[in-house]
Amino acid sequence: MTNFYPKSVLLKSLKDAGLPYTYQSVLRWEKKGLISRPKGEIKYPDRSWRFYTQEEIKEIIDIIKKVK
């Protein structure tokens, strides 16, 4: 079974990796195509909630380390 984590875990993991970015940065990276949208996304008409797997969090950290 795959565990999904909220954005707070993603942001803490980024900070722990020496990459203290905001959630707005994550959304900007998605729009630029740097990272892909998470698989765990719940969409509503007026908003969406994103949940990340541990693998996605690690992948995002690796990508951002290479780019920054």
PDB file of N, CA and C in Angstrom:
ATOM      1  N   MET A   1       0.834  -1.182   0.000  1.00  0.00           N
ATOM      2  CA  MET A   1       0.000   0.000   0.000  1.00  0.00           C
ATOM      3  C   MET A   1       0.879   1.247   0.000  1.00  0.00           C
ATOM      4  N   THR A   2       0.545   2.203  -0.812  1.00  0.00           N
ATOM      5  CA  THR A   2       1.303   3.438  -0.922  1.00  0.00           C
ATOM      6  C   THR A   2       0.768   4.461   0.065  1.00  0.00           C
ATOM      7  N   ASN A   3       1.681   5.088   0.807  1.00  0.00           N
ATOM      8  CA  ASN A   3       1.282   6.160   1.721  1.00  0.00           C
ATOM      9  C   ASN A   3       1.351   7.490   0.995  1.00  0.00           C
ATOM     10  N   PHE A   4       0.380   8.340   1.255  1.00  0.00           N
ATOM     11  CA  PHE A   4       0.357   9.678   0.687  1.00  0.00           C
ATOM     12  C   PHE A   4       0.537  10.684   1.807  1.00  0.00           C
ATOM     13  N   TYR A   5       1.312  11.741   1.514  1.00  0.00           N
ATOM     14  CA  TYR A   5       1.641  12.748   2.511  1.00  0.00           C
ATOM     15  C   TYR A   5       1.200  14.125   2.022  1.00  0.00           C
ATOM     16  N   PRO A   6       0.743  14.991   2.943  1.00  0.00           N
ATOM     17  CA  PRO A   6       0.315  16.330   2.549  1.00  0.00           C
ATOM     18  C   PRO A   6       1.489  17.246   2.233  1.00  0.00           C
ATOM     19  N   LYS A   7       1.181  18.429   1.759  1.00  0.00           N
ATOM     20  CA  LYS A   7       2.225  19.379   1.368  1.00  0.00           C
ATOM     21  C   LYS A   7       3.140  19.743   2.523  1.00  0.00           C
ATOM     22  N   SER A   8       2.643  19.699   3.758  1.00  0.00           N
ATOM     23  CA  SER A   8       3.497  20.043   4.908  1.00  0.00           C
ATOM     24  C   SER A   8       4.690  19.096   5.016  1.00  0.00           C
ATOM     25  N   VAL A   9       4.485  17.833   4.689  1.00  0.00           N
ATOM     26  CA  VAL A   9       5.586  16.861   4.721  1.00  0.00           C
ATOM     27  C   VAL A   9       6.568  17.148   3.589  1.00  0.00           C
ATOM     28  N   LEU A  10       6.050  17.493   2.426  1.00  0.00           N
ATOM     29  CA  LEU A  10       6.918  17.860   1.296  1.00  0.00           C
ATOM     30  C   LEU A  10       7.775  19.067   1.664  1.00  0.00           C
ATOM     31  N   LEU A  11       7.155  20.109   2.222  1.00  0.00           N
ATOM     32  CA  LEU A  11       7.895  21.320   2.569  1.00  0.00           C
ATOM     33  C   LEU A  11       8.929  21.066   3.660  1.00  0.00           C
ATOM     34  N   LYS A  12       8.590  20.235   4.644  1.00  0.00           N
ATOM     35  CA  LYS A  12       9.556  19.891   5.695  1.00  0.00           C
ATOM     36  C   LYS A  12      10.721  19.102   5.107  1.00  0.00           C
ATOM     37  N   SER A  13      10.428  18.203   4.190  1.00  0.00           N
ATOM     38  CA  SER A  13      11.485  17.413   3.550  1.00  0.00           C
ATOM     39  C   SER A  13      12.401  18.309   2.716  1.00  0.00           C
ATOM     40  N   LEU A  14      11.827  19.280   2.021  1.00  0.00           N
ATOM     41  CA  LEU A  14      12.639  20.234   1.266  1.00  0.00           C
ATOM     42  C   LEU A  14      13.542  21.025   2.217  1.00  0.00           C
ATOM     43  N   LYS A  15      12.970  21.485   3.316  1.00  0.00           N
ATOM     44  CA  LYS A  15      13.740  22.253   4.301  1.00  0.00           C
ATOM     45  C   LYS A  15      14.860  21.408   4.893  1.00  0.00           C
ATOM     46  N   ASP A  16      14.550  20.171   5.250  1.00  0.00           N
ATOM     47  CA  ASP A  16      15.565  19.263   5.820  1.00  0.00           C
ATOM     48  C   ASP A  16      16.694  18.990   4.830  1.00  0.00           C
ATOM     49  N   ALA A  17      16.388  19.072   3.536  1.00  0.00           N
ATOM     50  CA  ALA A  17      17.399  18.839   2.501  1.00  0.00           C
ATOM     51  C   ALA A  17      18.171  20.117   2.161  1.00  0.00           C
ATOM     52  N   GLY A  18      17.884  21.195   2.907  1.00  0.00           N
ATOM     53  CA  GLY A  18      18.578  22.452   2.654  1.00  0.00           C
ATOM     54  C   GLY A  18      17.960  23.258   1.536  1.00  0.00           C
ATOM     55  N   LEU A  19      16.705  22.982   1.239  1.00  0.00           N
ATOM     56  CA  LEU A  19      15.983  23.666   0.166  1.00  0.00           C
ATOM     57  C   LEU A  19      14.701  24.277   0.735  1.00  0.00           C
ATOM     58  N   PRO A  20      14.801  25.363   1.497  1.00  0.00           N
ATOM     59  CA  PRO A  20      13.619  25.927   2.159  1.00  0.00           C
ATOM     60  C   PRO A  20      12.739  26.743   1.209  1.00  0.00           C
ATOM     61  N   TYR A  21      11.914  26.074   0.454  1.00  0.00           N
ATOM     62  CA  TYR A  21      11.041  26.733  -0.503  1.00  0.00           C
ATOM     63  C   TYR A  21       9.599  26.705  -0.008  1.00  0.00           C
ATOM     64  N   THR A  22       8.777  27.576  -0.570  1.00  0.00           N
ATOM     65  CA  THR A  22       7.365  27.632  -0.208  1.00  0.00           C
ATOM     66  C   THR A  22       6.550  26.732  -1.135  1.00  0.00           C
ATOM     67  N   TYR A  23       5.291  26.549  -0.767  1.00  0.00           N
ATOM     68  CA  TYR A  23       4.406  25.750  -1.608  1.00  0.00           C
ATOM     69  C   TYR A  23       4.161  26.441  -2.945  1.00  0.00           C
ATOM     70  N   GLN A  24       4.200  27.763  -2.944  1.00  0.00           N
ATOM     71  CA  GLN A  24       4.047  28.508  -4.199  1.00  0.00           C
ATOM     72  C   GLN A  24       5.176  28.147  -5.163  1.00  0.00           C
ATOM     73  N   SER A  25       6.363  27.917  -4.638  1.00  0.00           N
ATOM     74  CA  SER A  25       7.489  27.490  -5.475  1.00  0.00           C
ATOM     75  C   SER A  25       7.191  26.140  -6.114  1.00  0.00           C
ATOM     76  N   VAL A  26       6.630  25.227  -5.337  1.00  0.00           N
ATOM     77  CA  VAL A  26       6.289  23.895  -5.848  1.00  0.00           C
ATOM     78  C   VAL A  26       5.285  24.022  -6.992  1.00  0.00           C
ATOM     79  N   LEU A  27       4.266  24.854  -6.809  1.00  0.00           N
ATOM     80  CA  LEU A  27       3.262  25.047  -7.860  1.00  0.00           C
ATOM     81  C   LEU A  27       3.892  25.676  -9.103  1.00  0.00           C
ATOM     82  N   ARG A  28       4.816  26.609  -8.899  1.00  0.00           N
ATOM     83  CA  ARG A  28       5.514  27.245 -10.031  1.00  0.00           C
ATOM     84  C   ARG A  28       6.353  26.224 -10.786  1.00  0.00           C
ATOM     85  N   TRP A  29       7.025  25.325 -10.064  1.00  0.00           N
ATOM     86  CA  TRP A  29       7.836  24.274 -10.706  1.00  0.00           C
ATOM     87  C   TRP A  29       6.951  23.361 -11.545  1.00  0.00           C
ATOM     88  N   GLU A  30       5.743  23.066 -11.035  1.00  0.00           N
ATOM     89  CA  GLU A  30       4.805  22.247 -11.812  1.00  0.00           C
ATOM     90  C   GLU A  30       4.416  22.948 -13.106  1.00  0.00           C
ATOM     91  N   LYS A  31       4.088  24.232 -13.003  1.00  0.00           N
ATOM     92  CA  LYS A  31       3.679  24.989 -14.194  1.00  0.00           C
ATOM     93  C   LYS A  31       4.804  25.075 -15.216  1.00  0.00           C
ATOM     94  N   LYS A  32       6.046  25.179 -14.752  1.00  0.00           N
ATOM     95  CA  LYS A  32       7.198  25.252 -15.652  1.00  0.00           C
ATOM     96  C   LYS A  32       7.550  23.888 -16.241  1.00  0.00           C
ATOM     97  N   GLY A  33       6.979  22.827 -15.670  1.00  0.00           N
ATOM     98  CA  GLY A  33       7.269  21.491 -16.161  1.00  0.00           C
ATOM     99  C   GLY A  33       8.506  20.868 -15.538  1.00  0.00           C
ATOM    100  N   LEU A  34       9.049  21.509 -14.517  1.00  0.00           N
ATOM    101  CA  LEU A  34      10.231  20.986 -13.831  1.00  0.00           C
ATOM    102  C   LEU A  34       9.903  19.692 -13.087  1.00  0.00           C
ATOM    103  N   ILE A  35       8.756  19.685 -12.432  1.00  0.00           N
ATOM    104  CA  ILE A  35       8.295  18.496 -11.708  1.00  0.00           C
ATOM    105  C   ILE A  35       6.887  18.171 -12.181  1.00  0.00           C
ATOM    106  N   SER A  36       6.493  16.927 -12.002  1.00  0.00           N
ATOM    107  CA  SER A  36       5.150  16.531 -12.422  1.00  0.00           C
ATOM    108  C   SER A  36       4.170  16.684 -11.259  1.00  0.00           C
ATOM    109  N   ARG A  37       2.903  16.751 -11.602  1.00  0.00           N
ATOM    110  CA  ARG A  37       1.866  16.826 -10.568  1.00  0.00           C
ATOM    111  C   ARG A  37       1.844  15.512  -9.801  1.00  0.00           C
ATOM    112  N   PRO A  38       1.487  15.548  -8.536  1.00  0.00           N
ATOM    113  CA  PRO A  38       1.448  14.313  -7.756  1.00  0.00           C
ATOM    114  C   PRO A  38       0.323  13.388  -8.207  1.00  0.00           C
ATOM    115  N   LYS A  39       0.524  12.110  -7.977  1.00  0.00           N
ATOM    116  CA  LYS A  39      -0.497  11.118  -8.343  1.00  0.00           C
ATOM    117  C   LYS A  39      -1.700  11.208  -7.415  1.00  0.00           C
ATOM    118  N   GLY A  40      -1.452  11.586  -6.171  1.00  0.00           N
ATOM    119  CA  GLY A  40      -2.526  11.686  -5.186  1.00  0.00           C
ATOM    120  C   GLY A  40      -3.121  13.076  -5.172  1.00  0.00           C
ATOM    121  N   GLU A  41      -4.047  13.310  -6.060  1.00  0.00           N
ATOM    122  CA  GLU A  41      -4.663  14.632  -6.138  1.00  0.00           C
ATOM    123  C   GLU A  41      -6.170  14.481  -6.074  1.00  0.00           C
ATOM    124  N   ILE A  42      -6.788  15.259  -5.215  1.00  0.00           N
ATOM    125  CA  ILE A  42      -8.239  15.248  -5.086  1.00  0.00           C
ATOM    126  C   ILE A  42      -8.732  16.582  -5.624  1.00  0.00           C
ATOM    127  N   LYS A  43      -9.541  16.532  -6.664  1.00  0.00           N
ATOM    128  CA  LYS A  43      -9.998  17.761  -7.315  1.00  0.00           C
ATOM    129  C   LYS A  43     -11.448  18.059  -6.952  1.00  0.00           C
ATOM    130  N   TYR A  44     -11.659  19.320  -6.640  1.00  0.00           N
ATOM    131  CA  TYR A  44     -12.995  19.858  -6.426  1.00  0.00           C
ATOM    132  C   TYR A  44     -13.175  21.002  -7.410  1.00  0.00           C
ATOM    133  N   PRO A  45     -14.404  21.445  -7.629  1.00  0.00           N
ATOM    134  CA  PRO A  45     -14.606  22.526  -8.607  1.00  0.00           C
ATOM    135  C   PRO A  45     -13.798  23.794  -8.315  1.00  0.00           C
ATOM    136  N   ASP A  46     -13.626  24.135  -7.053  1.00  0.00           N
ATOM    137  CA  ASP A  46     -12.956  25.388  -6.728  1.00  0.00           C
ATOM    138  C   ASP A  46     -11.540  25.224  -6.173  1.00  0.00           C
ATOM    139  N   ARG A  47     -11.054  24.001  -6.009  1.00  0.00           N
ATOM    140  CA  ARG A  47      -9.704  23.776  -5.490  1.00  0.00           C
ATOM    141  C   ARG A  47      -9.286  22.330  -5.701  1.00  0.00           C
ATOM    142  N   SER A  48      -8.020  22.067  -5.430  1.00  0.00           N
ATOM    143  CA  SER A  48      -7.548  20.679  -5.453  1.00  0.00           C
ATOM    144  C   SER A  48      -6.561  20.488  -4.304  1.00  0.00           C
ATOM    145  N   TRP A  49      -6.564  19.305  -3.756  1.00  0.00           N
ATOM    146  CA  TRP A  49      -5.647  18.965  -2.682  1.00  0.00           C
ATOM    147  C   TRP A  49      -4.643  17.981  -3.240  1.00  0.00           C
ATOM    148  N   ARG A  50      -3.368  18.236  -2.974  1.00  0.00           N
ATOM    149  CA  ARG A  50      -2.311  17.376  -3.486  1.00  0.00           C
ATOM    150  C   ARG A  50      -1.695  16.575  -2.337  1.00  0.00           C
ATOM    151  N   PHE A  51      -1.487  15.307  -2.609  1.00  0.00           N
ATOM    152  CA  PHE A  51      -0.821  14.421  -1.666  1.00  0.00           C
ATOM    153  C   PHE A  51       0.316  13.729  -2.401  1.00  0.00           C
ATOM    154  N   TYR A  52       1.452  13.611  -1.741  1.00  0.00           N
ATOM    155  CA  TYR A  52       2.675  13.113  -2.371  1.00  0.00           C
ATOM    156  C   TYR A  52       3.097  11.791  -1.757  1.00  0.00           C
ATOM    157  N   THR A  53       3.608  10.890  -2.602  1.00  0.00           N
ATOM    158  CA  THR A  53       4.191   9.654  -2.086  1.00  0.00           C
ATOM    159  C   THR A  53       5.630   9.953  -1.656  1.00  0.00           C
ATOM    160  N   GLN A  54       6.215   9.068  -0.888  1.00  0.00           N
ATOM    161  CA  GLN A  54       7.607   9.247  -0.456  1.00  0.00           C
ATOM    162  C   GLN A  54       8.538   9.282  -1.675  1.00  0.00           C
ATOM    163  N   GLU A  55       8.229   8.480  -2.679  1.00  0.00           N
ATOM    164  CA  GLU A  55       9.041   8.458  -3.893  1.00  0.00           C
ATOM    165  C   GLU A  55       8.964   9.799  -4.632  1.00  0.00           C
ATOM    166  N   GLU A  56       7.757  10.377  -4.691  1.00  0.00           N
ATOM    167  CA  GLU A  56       7.597  11.674  -5.354  1.00  0.00           C
ATOM    168  C   GLU A  56       8.359  12.770  -4.604  1.00  0.00           C
ATOM    169  N   ILE A  57       8.318  12.725  -3.280  1.00  0.00           N
ATOM    170  CA  ILE A  57       9.042  13.707  -2.476  1.00  0.00           C
ATOM    171  C   ILE A  57      10.539  13.602  -2.742  1.00  0.00           C
ATOM    172  N   LYS A  58      11.056  12.386  -2.754  1.00  0.00           N
ATOM    173  CA  LYS A  58      12.482  12.188  -3.019  1.00  0.00           C
ATOM    174  C   LYS A  58      12.844  12.669  -4.426  1.00  0.00           C
ATOM    175  N   GLU A  59      11.993  12.363  -5.395  1.00  0.00           N
ATOM    176  CA  GLU A  59      12.234  12.776  -6.780  1.00  0.00           C
ATOM    177  C   GLU A  59      12.258  14.303  -6.897  1.00  0.00           C
ATOM    178  N   ILE A  60      11.315  14.978  -6.233  1.00  0.00           N
ATOM    179  CA  ILE A  60      11.272  16.443  -6.262  1.00  0.00           C
ATOM    180  C   ILE A  60      12.545  17.023  -5.659  1.00  0.00           C
ATOM    181  N   ILE A  61      12.979  16.493  -4.543  1.00  0.00           N
ATOM    182  CA  ILE A  61      14.212  16.976  -3.894  1.00  0.00           C
ATOM    183  C   ILE A  61      15.408  16.781  -4.819  1.00  0.00           C
ATOM    184  N   ASP A  62      15.507  15.622  -5.434  1.00  0.00           N
ATOM    185  CA  ASP A  62      16.640  15.356  -6.356  1.00  0.00           C
ATOM    186  C   ASP A  62      16.634  16.310  -7.536  1.00  0.00           C
ATOM    187  N   ILE A  63      15.469  16.567  -8.104  1.00  0.00           N
ATOM    188  CA  ILE A  63      15.365  17.473  -9.246  1.00  0.00           C
ATOM    189  C   ILE A  63      15.760  18.892  -8.857  1.00  0.00           C
ATOM    190  N   ILE A  64      15.245  19.358  -7.750  1.00  0.00           N
ATOM    191  CA  ILE A  64      15.506  20.740  -7.329  1.00  0.00           C
ATOM    192  C   ILE A  64      16.975  20.912  -6.952  1.00  0.00           C
ATOM    193  N   LYS A  65      17.581  19.905  -6.349  1.00  0.00           N
ATOM    194  CA  LYS A  65      19.023  19.984  -6.039  1.00  0.00           C
ATOM    195  C   LYS A  65      19.851  20.137  -7.313  1.00  0.00           C
ATOM    196  N   LYS A  66      19.454  19.449  -8.366  1.00  0.00           N
ATOM    197  CA  LYS A  66      20.195  19.529  -9.636  1.00  0.00           C
ATOM    198  C   LYS A  66      20.028  20.886 -10.300  1.00  0.00           C
ATOM    199  N   VAL A  67      18.820  21.456 -10.188  1.00  0.00           N
ATOM    200  CA  VAL A  67      18.505  22.710 -10.860  1.00  0.00           C
ATOM    201  C   VAL A  67      19.052  23.917 -10.091  1.00  0.00           C
ATOM    202  N   LYS A  68      18.993  23.883  -8.789  1.00  0.00           N
ATOM    203  CA  LYS A  68      19.380  25.053  -7.980  1.00  0.00           C
ATOM    204  C   LYS A  68      20.819  25.055  -7.607  1.00  0.00           C
TER     205      LYS A  68
END
